[in-house]
PDB file of N, CA and C in Angstrom:
ATOM      1  N   UNK A   1      68.415   1.339 -33.577  1.00  0.00           N
ATOM      2  CA  UNK A   1      68.050   0.866 -34.904  1.00  0.00           C
ATOM      3  C   UNK A   1      69.211   0.066 -35.468  1.00  0.00           C
ATOM      4  N   UNK A   2      68.880  -1.046 -36.105  1.00  0.00           N
ATOM      5  CA  UNK A   2      69.889  -1.898 -36.713  1.00  0.00           C
ATOM      6  C   UNK A   2      70.237  -1.337 -38.083  1.00  0.00           C
ATOM      7  N   UNK A   3      71.423  -0.757 -38.215  1.00  0.00           N
ATOM      8  CA  UNK A   3      71.806  -0.119 -39.466  1.00  0.00           C
ATOM      9  C   UNK A   3      72.338  -1.115 -40.480  1.00  0.00           C
ATOM     10  N   UNK A   4      72.470  -2.387 -40.118  1.00  0.00           N
ATOM     11  CA  UNK A   4      72.970  -3.374 -41.058  1.00  0.00           C
ATOM     12  C   UNK A   4      71.853  -4.001 -41.883  1.00  0.00           C
ATOM     13  N   UNK A   5      70.608  -3.685 -41.588  1.00  0.00           N
ATOM     14  CA  UNK A   5      69.497  -4.242 -42.358  1.00  0.00           C
ATOM     15  C   UNK A   5      69.447  -3.615 -43.739  1.00  0.00           C
ATOM     16  N   UNK A   6      68.999  -4.416 -44.682  1.00  0.00           N
ATOM     17  CA  UNK A   6      68.900  -3.976 -46.060  1.00  0.00           C
ATOM     18  C   UNK A   6      67.460  -3.553 -46.346  1.00  0.00           C
ATOM     19  N   UNK A   7      67.176  -2.275 -46.133  1.00  0.00           N
ATOM     20  CA  UNK A   7      65.828  -1.751 -46.328  1.00  0.00           C
ATOM     21  C   UNK A   7      65.595  -1.341 -47.776  1.00  0.00           C
ATOM     22  N   UNK A   8      64.334  -1.444 -48.190  1.00  0.00           N
ATOM     23  CA  UNK A   8      63.939  -0.905 -49.482  1.00  0.00           C
ATOM     24  C   UNK A   8      64.120   0.612 -49.439  1.00  0.00           C
ATOM     25  N   UNK A   9      64.372   1.246 -50.576  1.00  0.00           N
ATOM     26  CA  UNK A   9      64.473   2.716 -50.561  1.00  0.00           C
ATOM     27  C   UNK A   9      63.143   3.332 -50.137  1.00  0.00           C
ATOM     28  N   UNK A  10      63.205   4.428 -49.409  1.00  0.00           N
ATOM     29  CA  UNK A  10      61.969   5.034 -48.900  1.00  0.00           C
ATOM     30  C   UNK A  10      61.091   5.628 -49.998  1.00  0.00           C
ATOM     31  N   UNK A  11      61.548   5.570 -51.238  1.00  0.00           N
ATOM     32  CA  UNK A  11      60.733   6.004 -52.368  1.00  0.00           C
ATOM     33  C   UNK A  11      59.864   4.865 -52.903  1.00  0.00           C
ATOM     34  N   UNK A  12      60.069   3.659 -52.381  1.00  0.00           N
ATOM     35  CA  UNK A  12      59.275   2.507 -52.815  1.00  0.00           C
ATOM     36  C   UNK A  12      57.803   2.746 -52.474  1.00  0.00           C
ATOM     37  N   UNK A  13      56.882   2.436 -53.393  1.00  0.00           N
ATOM     38  CA  UNK A  13      55.455   2.658 -53.143  1.00  0.00           C
ATOM     39  C   UNK A  13      54.900   1.903 -51.927  1.00  0.00           C
ATOM     40  N   UNK A  14      55.574   0.845 -51.498  1.00  0.00           N
ATOM     41  CA  UNK A  14      55.123   0.113 -50.313  1.00  0.00           C
ATOM     42  C   UNK A  14      55.113   0.990 -49.070  1.00  0.00           C
ATOM     43  N   UNK A  15      56.024   1.948 -48.996  1.00  0.00           N
ATOM     44  CA  UNK A  15      56.083   2.826 -47.821  1.00  0.00           C
ATOM     45  C   UNK A  15      54.773   3.578 -47.627  1.00  0.00           C
ATOM     46  N   UNK A  16      54.220   4.112 -48.711  1.00  0.00           N
ATOM     47  CA  UNK A  16      52.956   4.849 -48.604  1.00  0.00           C
ATOM     48  C   UNK A  16      51.834   3.932 -48.125  1.00  0.00           C
ATOM     49  N   UNK A  17      51.816   2.694 -48.627  1.00  0.00           N
ATOM     50  CA  UNK A  17      50.783   1.743 -48.226  1.00  0.00           C
ATOM     51  C   UNK A  17      50.914   1.378 -46.746  1.00  0.00           C
ATOM     52  N   UNK A  18      52.153   1.145 -46.299  1.00  0.00           N
ATOM     53  CA  UNK A  18      52.371   0.784 -44.898  1.00  0.00           C
ATOM     54  C   UNK A  18      52.019   1.955 -43.986  1.00  0.00           C
ATOM     55  N   UNK A  19      52.428   3.148 -44.363  1.00  0.00           N
ATOM     56  CA  UNK A  19      52.113   4.330 -43.558  1.00  0.00           C
ATOM     57  C   UNK A  19      50.597   4.502 -43.444  1.00  0.00           C
ATOM     58  N   UNK A  20      49.887   4.285 -44.533  1.00  0.00           N
ATOM     59  CA  UNK A  20      48.423   4.395 -44.504  1.00  0.00           C
ATOM     60  C   UNK A  20      47.824   3.352 -43.556  1.00  0.00           C
ATOM     61  N   UNK A  21      48.342   2.132 -43.587  1.00  0.00           N
ATOM     62  CA  UNK A  21      47.849   1.079 -42.685  1.00  0.00           C
ATOM     63  C   UNK A  21      48.156   1.428 -41.230  1.00  0.00           C
ATOM     64  N   UNK A  22      49.339   1.986 -40.971  1.00  0.00           N
ATOM     65  CA  UNK A  22      49.687   2.376 -39.603  1.00  0.00           C
ATOM     66  C   UNK A  22      48.792   3.508 -39.104  1.00  0.00           C
ATOM     67  N   UNK A  23      48.407   4.391 -40.004  1.00  0.00           N
ATOM     68  CA  UNK A  23      47.509   5.487 -39.630  1.00  0.00           C
ATOM     69  C   UNK A  23      46.157   4.960 -39.146  1.00  0.00           C
ATOM     70  N   UNK A  24      45.763   3.782 -39.637  1.00  0.00           N
ATOM     71  CA  UNK A  24      44.488   3.184 -39.226  1.00  0.00           C
ATOM     72  C   UNK A  24      44.524   2.724 -37.763  1.00  0.00           C
ATOM     73  N   UNK A  25      45.676   2.241 -37.297  1.00  0.00           N
ATOM     74  CA  UNK A  25      45.770   1.734 -35.923  1.00  0.00           C
ATOM     75  C   UNK A  25      46.310   2.772 -34.943  1.00  0.00           C
ATOM     76  N   UNK A  26      46.916   3.806 -35.461  1.00  0.00           N
ATOM     77  CA  UNK A  26      47.540   4.828 -34.608  1.00  0.00           C
ATOM     78  C   UNK A  26      46.590   5.421 -33.563  1.00  0.00           C
ATOM     79  N   UNK A  27      45.336   5.748 -33.897  1.00  0.00           N
ATOM     80  CA  UNK A  27      44.441   6.308 -32.867  1.00  0.00           C
ATOM     81  C   UNK A  27      44.238   5.377 -31.672  1.00  0.00           C
ATOM     82  N   UNK A  28      44.216   4.077 -31.904  1.00  0.00           N
ATOM     83  CA  UNK A  28      44.041   3.118 -30.808  1.00  0.00           C
ATOM     84  C   UNK A  28      45.281   3.091 -29.912  1.00  0.00           C
ATOM     85  N   UNK A  29      46.442   3.177 -30.522  1.00  0.00           N
ATOM     86  CA  UNK A  29      47.684   3.219 -29.745  1.00  0.00           C
ATOM     87  C   UNK A  29      47.763   4.513 -28.948  1.00  0.00           C
ATOM     88  N   UNK A  30      47.427   5.619 -29.591  1.00  0.00           N
ATOM     89  CA  UNK A  30      47.505   6.923 -28.937  1.00  0.00           C
ATOM     90  C   UNK A  30      46.496   7.045 -27.800  1.00  0.00           C
ATOM     91  N   UNK A  31      45.367   6.355 -27.911  1.00  0.00           N
ATOM     92  CA  UNK A  31      44.357   6.402 -26.846  1.00  0.00           C
ATOM     93  C   UNK A  31      44.900   5.824 -25.542  1.00  0.00           C
ATOM     94  N   UNK A  32      45.885   4.928 -25.655  1.00  0.00           N
ATOM     95  CA  UNK A  32      46.506   4.326 -24.472  1.00  0.00           C
ATOM     96  C   UNK A  32      47.865   4.935 -24.157  1.00  0.00           C
ATOM     97  N   UNK A  33      48.166   6.082 -24.762  1.00  0.00           N
ATOM     98  CA  UNK A  33      49.421   6.776 -24.478  1.00  0.00           C
ATOM     99  C   UNK A  33      50.614   6.278 -25.272  1.00  0.00           C
ATOM    100  N   UNK A  34      50.367   5.551 -26.346  1.00  0.00           N
ATOM    101  CA  UNK A  34      51.464   5.018 -27.154  1.00  0.00           C
ATOM    102  C   UNK A  34      51.400   5.504 -28.585  1.00  0.00           C
ATOM    103  N   UNK A  35      52.276   4.941 -29.397  1.00  0.00           N
ATOM    104  CA  UNK A  35      52.326   5.256 -30.819  1.00  0.00           C
ATOM    105  C   UNK A  35      53.308   4.296 -31.461  1.00  0.00           C
ATOM    106  N   UNK A  36      53.421   4.366 -32.781  1.00  0.00           N
ATOM    107  CA  UNK A  36      54.428   3.575 -33.478  1.00  0.00           C
ATOM    108  C   UNK A  36      54.988   4.400 -34.624  1.00  0.00           C
ATOM    109  N   UNK A  37      56.208   4.065 -34.983  1.00  0.00           N
ATOM    110  CA  UNK A  37      56.916   4.786 -36.036  1.00  0.00           C
ATOM    111  C   UNK A  37      57.496   3.768 -37.003  1.00  0.00           C
ATOM    112  N   UNK A  38      57.303   3.978 -38.293  1.00  0.00           N
ATOM    113  CA  UNK A  38      57.875   3.105 -39.311  1.00  0.00           C
ATOM    114  C   UNK A  38      59.381   3.334 -39.375  1.00  0.00           C
ATOM    115  N   UNK A  39      60.141   2.263 -39.231  1.00  0.00           N
ATOM    116  CA  UNK A  39      61.596   2.343 -39.317  1.00  0.00           C
ATOM    117  C   UNK A  39      62.049   1.995 -40.731  1.00  0.00           C
ATOM    118  N   UNK A  40      61.489   0.925 -41.297  1.00  0.00           N
ATOM    119  CA  UNK A  40      61.859   0.532 -42.644  1.00  0.00           C
ATOM    120  C   UNK A  40      61.165  -0.747 -43.062  1.00  0.00           C
ATOM    121  N   UNK A  41      61.301  -1.060 -44.351  1.00  0.00           N
ATOM    122  CA  UNK A  41      60.767  -2.294 -44.913  1.00  0.00           C
ATOM    123  C   UNK A  41      61.940  -3.031 -45.544  1.00  0.00           C
ATOM    124  N   UNK A  42      62.173  -4.252 -45.077  1.00  0.00           N
ATOM    125  CA  UNK A  42      63.297  -5.017 -45.611  1.00  0.00           C
ATOM    126  C   UNK A  42      62.926  -5.607 -46.967  1.00  0.00           C
ATOM    127  N   UNK A  43      63.949  -6.032 -47.688  1.00  0.00           N
ATOM    128  CA  UNK A  43      63.719  -6.619 -49.007  1.00  0.00           C
ATOM    129  C   UNK A  43      62.990  -7.954 -48.926  1.00  0.00           C
ATOM    130  N   UNK A  44      62.996  -8.592 -47.742  1.00  0.00           N
ATOM    131  CA  UNK A  44      62.232  -9.832 -47.577  1.00  0.00           C
ATOM    132  C   UNK A  44      60.850  -9.559 -46.974  1.00  0.00           C
ATOM    133  N   UNK A  45      60.371  -8.323 -47.128  1.00  0.00           N
ATOM    134  CA  UNK A  45      59.010  -7.910 -46.789  1.00  0.00           C
ATOM    135  C   UNK A  45      58.695  -7.968 -45.292  1.00  0.00           C
ATOM    136  N   UNK A  46      59.656  -7.573 -44.480  1.00  0.00           N
ATOM    137  CA  UNK A  46      59.435  -7.429 -43.046  1.00  0.00           C
ATOM    138  C   UNK A  46      59.389  -5.940 -42.742  1.00  0.00           C
ATOM    139  N   UNK A  47      58.329  -5.511 -42.077  1.00  0.00           N
ATOM    140  CA  UNK A  47      58.169  -4.110 -41.699  1.00  0.00           C
ATOM    141  C   UNK A  47      58.716  -3.944 -40.287  1.00  0.00           C
ATOM    142  N   UNK A  48      59.687  -3.065 -40.123  1.00  0.00           N
ATOM    143  CA  UNK A  48      60.243  -2.750 -38.811  1.00  0.00           C
ATOM    144  C   UNK A  48      59.587  -1.475 -38.297  1.00  0.00           C
ATOM    145  N   UNK A  49      59.041  -1.557 -37.096  1.00  0.00           N
ATOM    146  CA  UNK A  49      58.441  -0.387 -36.457  1.00  0.00           C
ATOM    147  C   UNK A  49      59.059  -0.209 -35.079  1.00  0.00           C
ATOM    148  N   UNK A  50      58.996   1.015 -34.607  1.00  0.00           N
ATOM    149  CA  UNK A  50      59.431   1.316 -33.245  1.00  0.00           C
ATOM    150  C   UNK A  50      58.188   1.687 -32.462  1.00  0.00           C
ATOM    151  N   UNK A  51      57.952   0.966 -31.364  1.00  0.00           N
ATOM    152  CA  UNK A  51      56.826   1.292 -30.493  1.00  0.00           C
ATOM    153  C   UNK A  51      57.251   2.419 -29.567  1.00  0.00           C
ATOM    154  N   UNK A  52      56.419   3.435 -29.461  1.00  0.00           N
ATOM    155  CA  UNK A  52      56.751   4.639 -28.714  1.00  0.00           C
ATOM    156  C   UNK A  52      55.820   4.835 -27.530  1.00  0.00           C
ATOM    157  N   UNK A  53      56.235   5.684 -26.611  1.00  0.00           N
ATOM    158  CA  UNK A  53      55.400   6.028 -25.464  1.00  0.00           C
ATOM    159  C   UNK A  53      55.088   4.814 -24.618  1.00  0.00           C
ATOM    160  N   UNK A  54      53.839   4.716 -24.187  1.00  0.00           N
ATOM    161  CA  UNK A  54      53.409   3.615 -23.324  1.00  0.00           C
ATOM    162  C   UNK A  54      53.581   2.260 -24.014  1.00  0.00           C
ATOM    163  N   UNK A  55      53.494   2.234 -25.330  1.00  0.00           N
ATOM    164  CA  UNK A  55      53.634   0.967 -26.054  1.00  0.00           C
ATOM    165  C   UNK A  55      55.055   0.411 -25.969  1.00  0.00           C
ATOM    166  N   UNK A  56      56.024   1.287 -25.803  1.00  0.00           N
ATOM    167  CA  UNK A  56      57.410   0.849 -25.745  1.00  0.00           C
ATOM    168  C   UNK A  56      57.751   0.058 -24.497  1.00  0.00           C
ATOM    169  N   UNK A  57      57.032   0.312 -23.410  1.00  0.00           N
ATOM    170  CA  UNK A  57      57.351  -0.363 -22.152  1.00  0.00           C
ATOM    171  C   UNK A  57      56.222  -1.259 -21.648  1.00  0.00           C
ATOM    172  N   UNK A  58      55.159  -1.377 -22.399  1.00  0.00           N
ATOM    173  CA  UNK A  58      53.999  -2.160 -21.963  1.00  0.00           C
ATOM    174  C   UNK A  58      54.269  -3.655 -22.080  1.00  0.00           C
ATOM    175  N   UNK A  59      53.920  -4.432 -21.052  1.00  0.00           N
ATOM    176  CA  UNK A  59      54.107  -5.878 -21.130  1.00  0.00           C
ATOM    177  C   UNK A  59      53.219  -6.537 -22.193  1.00  0.00           C
ATOM    178  N   UNK A  60      52.197  -5.843 -22.638  1.00  0.00           N
ATOM    179  CA  UNK A  60      51.302  -6.374 -23.674  1.00  0.00           C
ATOM    180  C   UNK A  60      51.697  -5.914 -25.078  1.00  0.00           C
ATOM    181  N   UNK A  61      52.852  -5.282 -25.212  1.00  0.00           N
ATOM    182  CA  UNK A  61      53.235  -4.720 -26.506  1.00  0.00           C
ATOM    183  C   UNK A  61      53.375  -5.771 -27.602  1.00  0.00           C
ATOM    184  N   UNK A  62      53.785  -6.986 -27.253  1.00  0.00           N
ATOM    185  CA  UNK A  62      53.899  -8.039 -28.265  1.00  0.00           C
ATOM    186  C   UNK A  62      52.523  -8.378 -28.824  1.00  0.00           C
ATOM    187  N   UNK A  63      51.537  -8.459 -27.946  1.00  0.00           N
ATOM    188  CA  UNK A  63      50.171  -8.727 -28.385  1.00  0.00           C
ATOM    189  C   UNK A  63      49.653  -7.577 -29.246  1.00  0.00           C
ATOM    190  N   UNK A  64      49.914  -6.356 -28.835  1.00  0.00           N
ATOM    191  CA  UNK A  64      49.504  -5.185 -29.613  1.00  0.00           C
ATOM    192  C   UNK A  64      50.146  -5.223 -30.993  1.00  0.00           C
ATOM    193  N   UNK A  65      51.428  -5.573 -31.033  1.00  0.00           N
ATOM    194  CA  UNK A  65      52.150  -5.620 -32.304  1.00  0.00           C
ATOM    195  C   UNK A  65      51.545  -6.675 -33.219  1.00  0.00           C
ATOM    196  N   UNK A  66      51.335  -7.868 -32.716  1.00  0.00           N
ATOM    197  CA  UNK A  66      50.836  -8.975 -33.548  1.00  0.00           C
ATOM    198  C   UNK A  66      49.358  -8.831 -33.897  1.00  0.00           C
ATOM    199  N   UNK A  67      48.534  -8.606 -32.884  1.00  0.00           N
ATOM    200  CA  UNK A  67      47.085  -8.604 -33.093  1.00  0.00           C
ATOM    201  C   UNK A  67      46.569  -7.286 -33.658  1.00  0.00           C
ATOM    202  N   UNK A  68      47.298  -6.215 -33.455  1.00  0.00           N
ATOM    203  CA  UNK A  68      46.843  -4.910 -33.933  1.00  0.00           C
ATOM    204  C   UNK A  68      47.611  -4.420 -35.136  1.00  0.00           C
ATOM    205  N   UNK A  69      48.853  -4.080 -34.908  1.00  0.00           N
ATOM    206  CA  UNK A  69      49.669  -3.448 -35.948  1.00  0.00           C
ATOM    207  C   UNK A  69      49.919  -4.406 -37.118  1.00  0.00           C
ATOM    208  N   UNK A  70      50.430  -5.601 -36.819  1.00  0.00           N
ATOM    209  CA  UNK A  70      50.752  -6.538 -37.902  1.00  0.00           C
ATOM    210  C   UNK A  70      49.501  -6.934 -38.686  1.00  0.00           C
ATOM    211  N   UNK A  71      48.422  -7.184 -37.987  1.00  0.00           N
ATOM    212  CA  UNK A  71      47.188  -7.586 -38.662  1.00  0.00           C
ATOM    213  C   UNK A  71      46.697  -6.493 -39.616  1.00  0.00           C
ATOM    214  N   UNK A  72      46.753  -5.254 -39.187  1.00  0.00           N
ATOM    215  CA  UNK A  72      46.314  -4.138 -40.041  1.00  0.00           C
ATOM    216  C   UNK A  72      47.209  -3.986 -41.264  1.00  0.00           C
ATOM    217  N   UNK A  73      48.522  -4.108 -41.056  1.00  0.00           N
ATOM    218  CA  UNK A  73      49.468  -3.953 -42.168  1.00  0.00           C
ATOM    219  C   UNK A  73      49.311  -5.098 -43.163  1.00  0.00           C
ATOM    220  N   UNK A  74      49.226  -6.322 -42.670  1.00  0.00           N
ATOM    221  CA  UNK A  74      49.124  -7.481 -43.563  1.00  0.00           C
ATOM    222  C   UNK A  74      47.775  -7.533 -44.274  1.00  0.00           C
ATOM    223  N   UNK A  75      46.738  -7.015 -43.651  1.00  0.00           N
ATOM    224  CA  UNK A  75      45.434  -6.956 -44.311  1.00  0.00           C
ATOM    225  C   UNK A  75      45.491  -5.982 -45.483  1.00  0.00           C
ATOM    226  N   UNK A  76      46.151  -4.848 -45.281  1.00  0.00           N
ATOM    227  CA  UNK A  76      46.253  -3.832 -46.328  1.00  0.00           C
ATOM    228  C   UNK A  76      47.266  -4.212 -47.412  1.00  0.00           C
ATOM    229  N   UNK A  77      48.328  -4.913 -47.008  1.00  0.00           N
ATOM    230  CA  UNK A  77      49.406  -5.274 -47.933  1.00  0.00           C
ATOM    231  C   UNK A  77      49.757  -6.744 -47.711  1.00  0.00           C
ATOM    232  N   UNK A  78      49.059  -7.660 -48.381  1.00  0.00           N
ATOM    233  CA  UNK A  78      49.253  -9.094 -48.142  1.00  0.00           C
ATOM    234  C   UNK A  78      50.675  -9.600 -48.388  1.00  0.00           C
ATOM    235  N   UNK A  79      51.441  -8.915 -49.208  1.00  0.00           N
ATOM    236  CA  UNK A  79      52.804  -9.378 -49.493  1.00  0.00           C
ATOM    237  C   UNK A  79      53.771  -9.158 -48.333  1.00  0.00           C
ATOM    238  N   UNK A  80      53.347  -8.404 -47.330  1.00  0.00           N
ATOM    239  CA  UNK A  80      54.185  -8.212 -46.138  1.00  0.00           C
ATOM    240  C   UNK A  80      54.210  -9.516 -45.339  1.00  0.00           C
ATOM    241  N   UNK A  81      55.406  -9.985 -45.002  1.00  0.00           N
ATOM    242  CA  UNK A  81      55.561 -11.254 -44.296  1.00  0.00           C
ATOM    243  C   UNK A  81      55.224 -11.111 -42.817  1.00  0.00           C
ATOM    244  N   UNK A  82      55.732 -10.048 -42.191  1.00  0.00           N
ATOM    245  CA  UNK A  82      55.468  -9.833 -40.764  1.00  0.00           C
ATOM    246  C   UNK A  82      55.887  -8.420 -40.383  1.00  0.00           C
ATOM    247  N   UNK A  83      55.526  -8.042 -39.162  1.00  0.00           N
ATOM    248  CA  UNK A  83      55.907  -6.743 -38.596  1.00  0.00           C
ATOM    249  C   UNK A  83      56.724  -7.034 -37.345  1.00  0.00           C
ATOM    250  N   UNK A  84      57.871  -6.372 -37.223  1.00  0.00           N
ATOM    251  CA  UNK A  84      58.771  -6.561 -36.083  1.00  0.00           C
ATOM    252  C   UNK A  84      58.981  -5.236 -35.370  1.00  0.00           C
ATOM    253  N   UNK A  85      59.142  -5.327 -34.062  1.00  0.00           N
ATOM    254  CA  UNK A  85      59.489  -4.149 -33.263  1.00  0.00           C
ATOM    255  C   UNK A  85      61.001  -4.089 -33.125  1.00  0.00           C
ATOM    256  N   UNK A  86      61.547  -2.921 -33.387  1.00  0.00           N
ATOM    257  CA  UNK A  86      63.018  -2.746 -33.264  1.00  0.00           C
ATOM    258  C   UNK A  86      63.336  -1.680 -32.240  1.00  0.00           C
TER     259      UNK A  86
END
């Protein structure tokens, strides 16, 4: 994890919204032996997640991140600029 990033405090209401959006895609990730974990939300509205399990080493993880995770998060919270894997 990059400790030099300037994350919003975890008490920010955006965290609850992002976690709820991640919960929507989590069953699909888990069905393939993977998962994701919220690392933080930067002040420039970038959500950092860690891909776990099969998702961490899958060659299709970039597609999963963009087409699945990022799309779900940005649909639920339009002010989010993007989702990055860390």
